[in-house]
């Protein structure tokens, strides 16, 4: 099925620093063209004090692998916060922030 460009809109995610991350989303489609609400919740959680104090130290000098990244909002958020991230979705090559080579 061809993507109908007339049925695309921008989903905005306001970050804690009041900057806005904008991701294009299709009105119809499957996993790779929808910004899921759960992804927004997880992206928000990455900025919380709970995450930074309880989990952040565990990730120091490590690269996080996100499989099934969809539109990539969680991986983009994590990379923008300085975490080493490698993410990909169905039928795509993984994207990496360059820390280490990603192996699947």
Protein backbone atom coordinates (compact mmCIF):
# COMPACT_ATOMS: atom_id res chain seq x y z
CA UNK A 1 0.00 0.00 0.00
CA UNK A 2 1.40 3.40 -1.02
CA UNK A 3 1.68 6.09 1.61
CA UNK A 4 -0.86 8.88 1.08
CA UNK A 5 1.08 12.10 1.76
CA UNK A 6 -2.21 13.97 2.26
CA UNK A 7 -2.83 11.86 5.36
CA UNK A 8 0.33 12.78 7.25
CA UNK A 9 0.45 15.13 10.20
CA UNK A 10 3.07 16.19 12.74
CA UNK A 11 2.95 14.84 16.28
CA UNK A 12 4.63 17.21 18.73
CA UNK A 13 6.34 16.11 21.93
CA UNK A 14 7.15 18.89 24.40
CA UNK A 15 10.28 18.13 26.36
CA UNK A 16 11.06 19.19 29.93
CA UNK A 17 13.28 22.03 28.66
CA UNK A 18 10.26 23.31 26.67
CA UNK A 19 11.84 22.43 23.31
CA UNK A 20 9.58 20.49 20.96
CA UNK A 21 10.41 17.27 19.15
CA UNK A 22 8.31 16.94 16.00
CA UNK A 23 7.69 13.57 14.33
CA UNK A 24 5.66 13.04 11.17
CA UNK A 25 2.91 10.47 11.56
CA UNK A 26 0.46 8.88 9.16
CA UNK A 27 -3.29 8.88 9.88
CA UNK A 28 -3.40 5.24 8.84
CA UNK A 29 -0.79 2.54 8.85
CA UNK A 30 1.01 0.08 10.98
CA UNK A 31 3.82 0.13 13.51
CA UNK A 32 6.40 2.19 11.62
CA UNK A 33 4.20 5.18 10.85
CA UNK A 34 2.45 5.88 14.15
CA UNK A 35 3.82 7.65 17.23
CA UNK A 36 2.40 5.42 19.94
CA UNK A 37 1.27 7.01 23.21
CA UNK A 38 3.46 4.52 25.10
CA UNK A 39 6.50 5.89 23.24
CA UNK A 40 5.60 9.42 24.37
CA UNK A 41 5.29 8.19 27.97
CA UNK A 42 8.68 6.44 27.81
CA UNK A 43 10.33 9.45 26.15
CA UNK A 44 8.95 11.62 28.97
CA UNK A 45 10.18 9.17 31.61
CA UNK A 46 13.76 9.48 30.31
CA UNK A 47 13.75 13.09 31.56
CA UNK A 48 12.44 12.39 35.05
CA UNK A 49 14.51 12.58 38.20
CA UNK A 50 13.50 8.98 38.99
CA UNK A 51 15.08 7.72 35.77
CA UNK A 52 18.15 9.88 36.09
CA UNK A 53 18.83 8.83 39.68
CA UNK A 54 17.80 5.15 39.57
CA UNK A 55 18.71 4.03 36.04
CA UNK A 56 21.07 6.56 34.52
CA UNK A 57 24.17 5.39 36.39
CA UNK A 58 23.54 1.83 35.10
CA UNK A 59 23.74 3.10 31.50
CA UNK A 60 27.02 4.96 31.88
CA UNK A 61 29.42 3.88 29.11
CA UNK A 62 26.82 1.54 27.61
CA UNK A 63 24.84 1.64 24.36
CA UNK A 64 21.11 0.93 24.56
CA UNK A 65 19.60 -1.19 21.78
CA UNK A 66 15.99 -0.36 20.93
CA UNK A 67 14.34 -2.90 18.65
CA UNK A 68 11.08 -2.06 16.89
CA UNK A 69 11.71 1.67 17.25
CA UNK A 70 8.85 2.64 14.94
CA UNK A 71 9.06 6.35 14.24
CA UNK A 72 12.08 6.56 16.55
CA UNK A 73 10.81 9.07 19.10
CA UNK A 74 12.24 7.20 22.13
CA UNK A 75 15.63 6.70 20.47
CA UNK A 76 15.77 10.31 19.29
CA UNK A 77 14.88 11.52 22.78
CA UNK A 78 17.50 9.25 24.39
CA UNK A 79 20.21 10.36 21.94
CA UNK A 80 19.35 14.02 22.49
CA UNK A 81 19.83 13.47 26.23
CA UNK A 82 23.30 12.09 25.61
CA UNK A 83 22.67 8.34 25.89
CA UNK A 84 24.41 5.95 23.51
CA UNK A 85 21.57 4.49 21.47
CA UNK A 86 21.24 2.09 18.60
CA UNK A 87 17.76 1.69 17.18
CA UNK A 88 15.97 0.28 14.18
CA UNK A 89 12.61 -0.89 12.95
CA UNK A 90 11.30 -3.59 10.66
CA UNK A 91 13.22 -3.82 7.36
CA UNK A 92 15.54 -0.92 8.19
CA UNK A 93 19.20 -0.65 8.94
CA UNK A 94 19.80 0.32 12.57
CA UNK A 95 20.71 3.90 13.38
CA UNK A 96 23.46 4.43 15.91
CA UNK A 97 24.75 7.52 17.67
CA UNK A 98 28.20 6.14 16.90
CA UNK A 99 29.32 4.79 20.26
CA UNK A 100 30.01 1.26 19.07
CA UNK A 101 28.96 -0.86 16.14
CA UNK A 102 25.51 -2.37 16.52
CA UNK A 103 25.21 -6.08 15.88
CA UNK A 104 21.91 -7.83 15.22
